[in-house]
């Protein structure tokens, strides 16, 4: 059986943790609900120069990432939505 963790975050230009590591995670879906680029990384020391860009109004899906997930906005603020699926 799978469980879901979902929510909303306001993201600024400061790198912040979206989700902690979860060895039971089976999938993650992130929706950039903003008008600027969202960046996704795996370490608190990441910068937008080495994070993966997600276009405005774009999506990110991954079925293999069980590590920490960090996010930052290119500028301004972003409304981000996420869903994390995991084994119970």
PDB file of N, CA and C in Angstrom:
ATOM      1  N   UNK A   1       0.835  -1.177   0.000  1.00  0.00           N
ATOM      2  CA  UNK A   1       0.000   0.000   0.000  1.00  0.00           C
ATOM      3  C   UNK A   1       0.882   1.244   0.000  1.00  0.00           C
ATOM      4  N   UNK A   2       0.453   2.273  -0.740  1.00  0.00           N
ATOM      5  CA  UNK A   2       1.213   3.508  -0.792  1.00  0.00           C
ATOM      6  C   UNK A   2       0.482   4.612  -0.058  1.00  0.00           C
ATOM      7  N   UNK A   3       1.257   5.528   0.504  1.00  0.00           N
ATOM      8  CA  UNK A   3       0.707   6.715   1.145  1.00  0.00           C
ATOM      9  C   UNK A   3       1.212   7.933   0.402  1.00  0.00           C
ATOM     10  N   UNK A   4       0.509   9.036   0.515  1.00  0.00           N
ATOM     11  CA  UNK A   4       0.901  10.252  -0.181  1.00  0.00           C
ATOM     12  C   UNK A   4       1.069  11.400   0.805  1.00  0.00           C
ATOM     13  N   UNK A   5       2.091  12.182   0.578  1.00  0.00           N
ATOM     14  CA  UNK A   5       2.346  13.404   1.320  1.00  0.00           C
ATOM     15  C   UNK A   5       2.300  14.507   0.277  1.00  0.00           C
ATOM     16  N   UNK A   6       1.457  15.482   0.450  1.00  0.00           N
ATOM     17  CA  UNK A   6       1.364  16.533  -0.549  1.00  0.00           C
ATOM     18  C   UNK A   6       1.214  17.889   0.141  1.00  0.00           C
ATOM     19  N   UNK A   7       1.524  18.943  -0.613  1.00  0.00           N
ATOM     20  CA  UNK A   7       1.391  20.254  -0.011  1.00  0.00           C
ATOM     21  C   UNK A   7       1.811  21.374  -0.936  1.00  0.00           C
ATOM     22  N   UNK A   8       1.905  22.557  -0.353  1.00  0.00           N
ATOM     23  CA  UNK A   8       2.263  23.788  -1.050  1.00  0.00           C
ATOM     24  C   UNK A   8       3.402  24.443  -0.285  1.00  0.00           C
ATOM     25  N   UNK A   9       4.324  25.040  -1.016  1.00  0.00           N
ATOM     26  CA  UNK A   9       5.411  25.810  -0.414  1.00  0.00           C
ATOM     27  C   UNK A   9       5.587  27.099  -1.201  1.00  0.00           C
ATOM     28  N   UNK A  10       5.935  28.166  -0.509  1.00  0.00           N
ATOM     29  CA  UNK A  10       6.354  29.393  -1.175  1.00  0.00           C
ATOM     30  C   UNK A  10       7.870  29.373  -1.199  1.00  0.00           C
ATOM     31  N   UNK A  11       8.438  29.471  -2.398  1.00  0.00           N
ATOM     32  CA  UNK A  11       9.886  29.354  -2.579  1.00  0.00           C
ATOM     33  C   UNK A  11      10.456  30.713  -2.968  1.00  0.00           C
ATOM     34  N   UNK A  12      11.574  31.096  -2.342  1.00  0.00           N
ATOM     35  CA  UNK A  12      12.259  32.343  -2.671  1.00  0.00           C
ATOM     36  C   UNK A  12      13.606  32.008  -3.304  1.00  0.00           C
ATOM     37  N   UNK A  13      14.462  32.999  -3.463  1.00  0.00           N
ATOM     38  CA  UNK A  13      15.776  32.772  -4.062  1.00  0.00           C
ATOM     39  C   UNK A  13      16.730  32.048  -3.110  1.00  0.00           C
ATOM     40  N   UNK A  14      16.385  31.937  -1.842  1.00  0.00           N
ATOM     41  CA  UNK A  14      17.210  31.205  -0.874  1.00  0.00           C
ATOM     42  C   UNK A  14      16.947  29.706  -1.004  1.00  0.00           C
ATOM     43  N   UNK A  15      18.015  28.917  -1.091  1.00  0.00           N
ATOM     44  CA  UNK A  15      17.870  27.457  -1.173  1.00  0.00           C
ATOM     45  C   UNK A  15      17.261  26.945   0.130  1.00  0.00           C
ATOM     46  N   UNK A  16      16.192  26.137   0.015  1.00  0.00           N
ATOM     47  CA  UNK A  16      15.574  25.575   1.215  1.00  0.00           C
ATOM     48  C   UNK A  16      15.165  24.130   0.966  1.00  0.00           C
ATOM     49  N   UNK A  17      15.106  23.363   2.060  1.00  0.00           N
ATOM     50  CA  UNK A  17      14.721  21.954   1.958  1.00  0.00           C
ATOM     51  C   UNK A  17      13.218  21.848   1.722  1.00  0.00           C
ATOM     52  N   UNK A  18      12.855  21.113   0.685  1.00  0.00           N
ATOM     53  CA  UNK A  18      11.452  20.817   0.424  1.00  0.00           C
ATOM     54  C   UNK A  18      11.055  19.525   1.123  1.00  0.00           C
ATOM     55  N   UNK A  19      11.881  18.477   0.951  1.00  0.00           N
ATOM     56  CA  UNK A  19      11.593  17.174   1.549  1.00  0.00           C
ATOM     57  C   UNK A  19      12.876  16.543   2.077  1.00  0.00           C
ATOM     58  N   UNK A  20      12.759  15.863   3.194  1.00  0.00           N
ATOM     59  CA  UNK A  20      13.873  15.106   3.725  1.00  0.00           C
ATOM     60  C   UNK A  20      14.024  13.774   3.001  1.00  0.00           C
ATOM     61  N   UNK A  21      15.118  13.101   3.257  1.00  0.00           N
ATOM     62  CA  UNK A  21      15.343  11.778   2.661  1.00  0.00           C
ATOM     63  C   UNK A  21      14.238  10.828   3.125  1.00  0.00           C
ATOM     64  N   UNK A  22      13.850   9.914   2.245  1.00  0.00           N
ATOM     65  CA  UNK A  22      12.795   8.954   2.560  1.00  0.00           C
ATOM     66  C   UNK A  22      13.073   7.676   1.779  1.00  0.00           C
ATOM     67  N   UNK A  23      13.579   6.668   2.475  1.00  0.00           N
ATOM     68  CA  UNK A  23      13.931   5.412   1.795  1.00  0.00           C
ATOM     69  C   UNK A  23      12.711   4.665   1.284  1.00  0.00           C
ATOM     70  N   UNK A  24      11.525   5.058   1.720  1.00  0.00           N
ATOM     71  CA  UNK A  24      10.301   4.411   1.242  1.00  0.00           C
ATOM     72  C   UNK A  24       9.647   5.187   0.097  1.00  0.00           C
ATOM     73  N   UNK A  25      10.243   6.313  -0.319  1.00  0.00           N
ATOM     74  CA  UNK A  25       9.673   7.111  -1.409  1.00  0.00           C
ATOM     75  C   UNK A  25       9.678   6.316  -2.703  1.00  0.00           C
ATOM     76  N   UNK A  26       8.538   6.298  -3.372  1.00  0.00           N
ATOM     77  CA  UNK A  26       8.422   5.613  -4.659  1.00  0.00           C
ATOM     78  C   UNK A  26       8.290   6.595  -5.817  1.00  0.00           C
ATOM     79  N   UNK A  27       7.893   7.831  -5.528  1.00  0.00           N
ATOM     80  CA  UNK A  27       7.765   8.841  -6.582  1.00  0.00           C
ATOM     81  C   UNK A  27       7.628  10.221  -5.959  1.00  0.00           C
ATOM     82  N   UNK A  28       8.080  11.212  -6.699  1.00  0.00           N
ATOM     83  CA  UNK A  28       7.906  12.607  -6.310  1.00  0.00           C
ATOM     84  C   UNK A  28       7.442  13.384  -7.538  1.00  0.00           C
ATOM     85  N   UNK A  29       6.456  14.243  -7.349  1.00  0.00           N
ATOM     86  CA  UNK A  29       5.976  15.128  -8.406  1.00  0.00           C
ATOM     87  C   UNK A  29       5.995  16.544  -7.856  1.00  0.00           C
ATOM     88  N   UNK A  30       6.660  17.445  -8.593  1.00  0.00           N
ATOM     89  CA  UNK A  30       6.731  18.852  -8.197  1.00  0.00           C
ATOM     90  C   UNK A  30       6.185  19.695  -9.328  1.00  0.00           C
ATOM     91  N   UNK A  31       5.282  20.606  -8.998  1.00  0.00           N
ATOM     92  CA  UNK A  31       4.679  21.514  -9.970  1.00  0.00           C
ATOM     93  C   UNK A  31       5.158  22.937  -9.665  1.00  0.00           C
ATOM     94  N   UNK A  32       5.822  23.554 -10.641  1.00  0.00           N
ATOM     95  CA  UNK A  32       6.201  24.961 -10.537  1.00  0.00           C
ATOM     96  C   UNK A  32       4.962  25.761 -10.923  1.00  0.00           C
ATOM     97  N   UNK A  33       4.273  26.268  -9.938  1.00  0.00           N
ATOM     98  CA  UNK A  33       3.036  27.009 -10.163  1.00  0.00           C
ATOM     99  C   UNK A  33       3.318  28.504 -10.318  1.00  0.00           C
ATOM    100  N   UNK A  34       4.596  28.845 -10.512  1.00  0.00           N
ATOM    101  CA  UNK A  34       5.003  30.241 -10.599  1.00  0.00           C
ATOM    102  C   UNK A  34       5.312  30.696 -12.011  1.00  0.00           C
ATOM    103  N   UNK A  35       5.738  31.960 -12.113  1.00  0.00           N
ATOM    104  CA  UNK A  35       6.017  32.583 -13.405  1.00  0.00           C
ATOM    105  C   UNK A  35       7.512  32.681 -13.712  1.00  0.00           C
ATOM    106  N   UNK A  36       8.362  32.167 -12.819  1.00  0.00           N
ATOM    107  CA  UNK A  36       9.811  32.159 -13.051  1.00  0.00           C
ATOM    108  C   UNK A  36      10.346  30.744 -12.878  1.00  0.00           C
ATOM    109  N   UNK A  37      11.581  30.537 -13.259  1.00  0.00           N
ATOM    110  CA  UNK A  37      12.208  29.208 -13.190  1.00  0.00           C
ATOM    111  C   UNK A  37      12.391  28.772 -11.739  1.00  0.00           C
ATOM    112  N   UNK A  38      12.075  27.511 -11.476  1.00  0.00           N
ATOM    113  CA  UNK A  38      12.304  26.848 -10.194  1.00  0.00           C
ATOM    114  C   UNK A  38      13.528  25.958 -10.352  1.00  0.00           C
ATOM    115  N   UNK A  39      14.376  25.916  -9.343  1.00  0.00           N
ATOM    116  CA  UNK A  39      15.556  25.048  -9.372  1.00  0.00           C
ATOM    117  C   UNK A  39      15.438  23.985  -8.300  1.00  0.00           C
ATOM    118  N   UNK A  40      15.847  22.753  -8.651  1.00  0.00           N
ATOM    119  CA  UNK A  40      15.790  21.611  -7.744  1.00  0.00           C
ATOM    120  C   UNK A  40      17.189  21.032  -7.583  1.00  0.00           C
ATOM    121  N   UNK A  41      17.567  20.765  -6.333  1.00  0.00           N
ATOM    122  CA  UNK A  41      18.874  20.188  -6.046  1.00  0.00           C
ATOM    123  C   UNK A  41      18.792  19.144  -4.950  1.00  0.00           C
ATOM    124  N   UNK A  42      19.963  18.612  -4.572  1.00  0.00           N
ATOM    125  CA  UNK A  42      19.999  17.527  -3.597  1.00  0.00           C
ATOM    126  C   UNK A  42      20.812  17.842  -2.345  1.00  0.00           C
ATOM    127  N   UNK A  43      21.391  19.057  -2.278  1.00  0.00           N
ATOM    128  CA  UNK A  43      22.222  19.418  -1.123  1.00  0.00           C
ATOM    129  C   UNK A  43      21.920  20.844  -0.678  1.00  0.00           C
ATOM    130  N   UNK A  44      22.070  21.134   0.611  1.00  0.00           N
ATOM    131  CA  UNK A  44      21.829  22.496   1.079  1.00  0.00           C
ATOM    132  C   UNK A  44      22.862  23.490   0.552  1.00  0.00           C
ATOM    133  N   UNK A  45      23.985  23.000   0.089  1.00  0.00           N
ATOM    134  CA  UNK A  45      25.042  23.873  -0.444  1.00  0.00           C
ATOM    135  C   UNK A  45      24.879  24.137  -1.940  1.00  0.00           C
ATOM    136  N   UNK A  46      23.877  23.535  -2.580  1.00  0.00           N
ATOM    137  CA  UNK A  46      23.631  23.774  -4.002  1.00  0.00           C
ATOM    138  C   UNK A  46      23.311  25.248  -4.241  1.00  0.00           C
ATOM    139  N   UNK A  47      23.613  25.714  -5.447  1.00  0.00           N
ATOM    140  CA  UNK A  47      23.220  27.046  -5.890  1.00  0.00           C
ATOM    141  C   UNK A  47      22.466  26.872  -7.203  1.00  0.00           C
ATOM    142  N   UNK A  48      21.795  27.911  -7.659  1.00  0.00           N
ATOM    143  CA  UNK A  48      21.045  27.762  -8.906  1.00  0.00           C
ATOM    144  C   UNK A  48      21.966  27.463 -10.081  1.00  0.00           C
ATOM    145  N   UNK A  49      23.250  27.737  -9.939  1.00  0.00           N
ATOM    146  CA  UNK A  49      24.205  27.432 -11.011  1.00  0.00           C
ATOM    147  C   UNK A  49      24.364  25.930 -11.233  1.00  0.00           C
ATOM    148  N   UNK A  50      24.124  25.110 -10.193  1.00  0.00           N
ATOM    149  CA  UNK A  50      24.293  23.661 -10.359  1.00  0.00           C
ATOM    150  C   UNK A  50      23.030  22.862 -10.025  1.00  0.00           C
ATOM    151  N   UNK A  51      21.896  23.551  -9.930  1.00  0.00           N
ATOM    152  CA  UNK A  51      20.619  22.871  -9.689  1.00  0.00           C
ATOM    153  C   UNK A  51      19.895  22.682 -11.026  1.00  0.00           C
ATOM    154  N   UNK A  52      18.935  21.779 -11.047  1.00  0.00           N
ATOM    155  CA  UNK A  52      18.184  21.498 -12.270  1.00  0.00           C
ATOM    156  C   UNK A  52      17.035  22.499 -12.417  1.00  0.00           C
ATOM    157  N   UNK A  53      16.940  23.169 -13.588  1.00  0.00           N
ATOM    158  CA  UNK A  53      15.867  24.145 -13.774  1.00  0.00           C
ATOM    159  C   UNK A  53      14.550  23.487 -14.195  1.00  0.00           C
ATOM    160  N   UNK A  54      13.466  24.006 -13.643  1.00  0.00           N
ATOM    161  CA  UNK A  54      12.123  23.598 -14.033  1.00  0.00           C
ATOM    162  C   UNK A  54      11.421  24.876 -14.510  1.00  0.00           C
ATOM    163  N   UNK A  55      11.025  24.897 -15.763  1.00  0.00           N
ATOM    164  CA  UNK A  55      10.430  26.092 -16.372  1.00  0.00           C
ATOM    165  C   UNK A  55       9.180  26.543 -15.615  1.00  0.00           C
ATOM    166  N   UNK A  56       8.862  27.824 -15.765  1.00  0.00           N
ATOM    167  CA  UNK A  56       7.622  28.362 -15.200  1.00  0.00           C
ATOM    168  C   UNK A  56       6.453  27.500 -15.675  1.00  0.00           C
ATOM    169  N   UNK A  57       5.590  27.148 -14.761  1.00  0.00           N
ATOM    170  CA  UNK A  57       4.420  26.294 -15.015  1.00  0.00           C
ATOM    171  C   UNK A  57       4.807  24.870 -15.407  1.00  0.00           C
ATOM    172  N   UNK A  58       6.074  24.495 -15.216  1.00  0.00           N
ATOM    173  CA  UNK A  58       6.544  23.155 -15.566  1.00  0.00           C
ATOM    174  C   UNK A  58       6.407  22.167 -14.424  1.00  0.00           C
ATOM    175  N   UNK A  59       6.684  20.913 -14.738  1.00  0.00           N
ATOM    176  CA  UNK A  59       6.592  19.815 -13.774  1.00  0.00           C
ATOM    177  C   UNK A  59       7.909  19.057 -13.690  1.00  0.00           C
ATOM    178  N   UNK A  60       8.117  18.408 -12.559  1.00  0.00           N
ATOM    179  CA  UNK A  60       9.254  17.516 -12.353  1.00  0.00           C
ATOM    180  C   UNK A  60       8.700  16.245 -11.725  1.00  0.00           C
ATOM    181  N   UNK A  61       9.051  15.109 -12.288  1.00  0.00           N
ATOM    182  CA  UNK A  61       8.637  13.817 -11.723  1.00  0.00           C
ATOM    183  C   UNK A  61       9.851  12.910 -11.647  1.00  0.00           C
ATOM    184  N   UNK A  62       9.951  12.135 -10.568  1.00  0.00           N
ATOM    185  CA  UNK A  62      11.071  11.231 -10.400  1.00  0.00           C
ATOM    186  C   UNK A  62      10.603  10.028  -9.586  1.00  0.00           C
ATOM    187  N   UNK A  63      10.922   8.844 -10.069  1.00  0.00           N
ATOM    188  CA  UNK A  63      10.562   7.617  -9.360  1.00  0.00           C
ATOM    189  C   UNK A  63      11.771   6.948  -8.712  1.00  0.00           C
ATOM    190  N   UNK A  64      12.901   7.653  -8.671  1.00  0.00           N
ATOM    191  CA  UNK A  64      14.126   7.031  -8.155  1.00  0.00           C
ATOM    192  C   UNK A  64      14.810   7.844  -7.070  1.00  0.00           C
ATOM    193  N   UNK A  65      14.391   9.069  -6.821  1.00  0.00           N
ATOM    194  CA  UNK A  65      15.056   9.935  -5.848  1.00  0.00           C
ATOM    195  C   UNK A  65      14.490   9.697  -4.455  1.00  0.00           C
ATOM    196  N   UNK A  66      15.317   9.137  -3.578  1.00  0.00           N
ATOM    197  CA  UNK A  66      14.912   8.924  -2.196  1.00  0.00           C
ATOM    198  C   UNK A  66      15.669   9.845  -1.246  1.00  0.00           C
ATOM    199  N   UNK A  67      16.494  10.727  -1.805  1.00  0.00           N
ATOM    200  CA  UNK A  67      17.289  11.643  -0.994  1.00  0.00           C
ATOM    201  C   UNK A  67      16.565  12.940  -0.692  1.00  0.00           C
ATOM    202  N   UNK A  68      17.272  13.836  -0.021  1.00  0.00           N
ATOM    203  CA  UNK A  68      16.726  15.156   0.286  1.00  0.00           C
ATOM    204  C   UNK A  68      16.502  15.937  -1.001  1.00  0.00           C
ATOM    205  N   UNK A  69      15.513  16.820  -0.983  1.00  0.00           N
ATOM    206  CA  UNK A  69      15.214  17.656  -2.141  1.00  0.00           C
ATOM    207  C   UNK A  69      15.198  19.115  -1.692  1.00  0.00           C
ATOM    208  N   UNK A  70      16.017  19.924  -2.371  1.00  0.00           N
ATOM    209  CA  UNK A  70      16.119  21.350  -2.088  1.00  0.00           C
ATOM    210  C   UNK A  70      15.611  22.138  -3.284  1.00  0.00           C
ATOM    211  N   UNK A  71      15.073  23.317  -3.033  1.00  0.00           N
ATOM    212  CA  UNK A  71      14.507  24.144  -4.091  1.00  0.00           C
ATOM    213  C   UNK A  71      14.899  25.604  -3.902  1.00  0.00           C
ATOM    214  N   UNK A  72      14.875  26.352  -5.010  1.00  0.00           N
ATOM    215  CA  UNK A  72      15.107  27.795  -4.988  1.00  0.00           C
ATOM    216  C   UNK A  72      14.458  28.399  -6.225  1.00  0.00           C
ATOM    217  N   UNK A  73      14.080  29.667  -6.129  1.00  0.00           N
ATOM    218  CA  UNK A  73      13.491  30.389  -7.260  1.00  0.00           C
ATOM    219  C   UNK A  73      14.566  31.204  -7.956  1.00  0.00           C
ATOM    220  N   UNK A  74      14.419  31.380  -9.264  1.00  0.00           N
ATOM    221  CA  UNK A  74      15.365  32.191 -10.031  1.00  0.00           C
ATOM    222  C   UNK A  74      15.319  33.644  -9.565  1.00  0.00           C
ATOM    223  N   UNK A  75      14.133  34.132  -9.278  1.00  0.00           N
ATOM    224  CA  UNK A  75      13.926  35.486  -8.769  1.00  0.00           C
ATOM    225  C   UNK A  75      12.549  35.532  -8.136  1.00  0.00           C
ATOM    226  N   UNK A  76      12.298  36.543  -7.356  1.00  0.00           N
ATOM    227  CA  UNK A  76      10.973  36.736  -6.777  1.00  0.00           C
ATOM    228  C   UNK A  76      10.594  35.534  -5.916  1.00  0.00           C
ATOM    229  N   UNK A  77       9.330  35.134  -5.972  1.00  0.00           N
ATOM    230  CA  UNK A  77       8.847  33.971  -5.227  1.00  0.00           C
ATOM    231  C   UNK A  77       8.033  33.073  -6.155  1.00  0.00           C
ATOM    232  N   UNK A  78       7.941  31.812  -5.782  1.00  0.00           N
ATOM    233  CA  UNK A  78       7.215  30.814  -6.566  1.00  0.00           C
ATOM    234  C   UNK A  78       6.256  30.070  -5.653  1.00  0.00           C
ATOM    235  N   UNK A  79       5.092  29.807  -6.161  1.00  0.00           N
ATOM    236  CA  UNK A  79       4.137  28.908  -5.525  1.00  0.00           C
ATOM    237  C   UNK A  79       4.433  27.517  -6.067  1.00  0.00           C
ATOM    238  N   UNK A  80       4.859  26.622  -5.208  1.00  0.00           N
ATOM    239  CA  UNK A  80       5.227  25.264  -5.591  1.00  0.00           C
ATOM    240  C   UNK A  80       4.224  24.294  -4.978  1.00  0.00           C
ATOM    241  N   UNK A  81       3.848  23.278  -5.737  1.00  0.00           N
ATOM    242  CA  UNK A  81       2.982  22.199  -5.236  1.00  0.00           C
ATOM    243  C   UNK A  81       3.755  20.893  -5.381  1.00  0.00           C
ATOM    244  N   UNK A  82       3.575  19.984  -4.437  1.00  0.00           N
ATOM    245  CA  UNK A  82       4.293  18.709  -4.509  1.00  0.00           C
ATOM    246  C   UNK A  82       3.432  17.557  -4.023  1.00  0.00           C
ATOM    247  N   UNK A  83       3.793  16.366  -4.511  1.00  0.00           N
ATOM    248  CA  UNK A  83       3.230  15.128  -4.003  1.00  0.00           C
ATOM    249  C   UNK A  83       4.352  14.119  -3.905  1.00  0.00           C
ATOM    250  N   UNK A  84       4.473  13.501  -2.747  1.00  0.00           N
ATOM    251  CA  UNK A  84       5.456  12.451  -2.507  1.00  0.00           C
ATOM    252  C   UNK A  84       4.688  11.165  -2.222  1.00  0.00           C
ATOM    253  N   UNK A  85       4.915  10.143  -3.024  1.00  0.00           N
ATOM    254  CA  UNK A  85       4.307   8.839  -2.800  1.00  0.00           C
ATOM    255  C   UNK A  85       5.345   7.934  -2.144  1.00  0.00           C
ATOM    256  N   UNK A  86       4.897   7.106  -1.204  1.00  0.00           N
ATOM    257  CA  UNK A  86       5.816   6.236  -0.488  1.00  0.00           C
ATOM    258  C   UNK A  86       5.124   4.941  -0.099  1.00  0.00           C
ATOM    259  N   UNK A  87       5.929   3.915   0.096  1.00  0.00           N
ATOM    260  CA  UNK A  87       5.420   2.653   0.617  1.00  0.00           C
ATOM    261  C   UNK A  87       5.047   2.883   2.079  1.00  0.00           C
ATOM    262  N   UNK A  88       4.000   2.238   2.526  1.00  0.00           N
ATOM    263  CA  UNK A  88       3.632   2.409   3.943  1.00  0.00           C
ATOM    264  C   UNK A  88       4.260   1.355   4.803  1.00  0.00           C
TER     265      UNK A  88
END
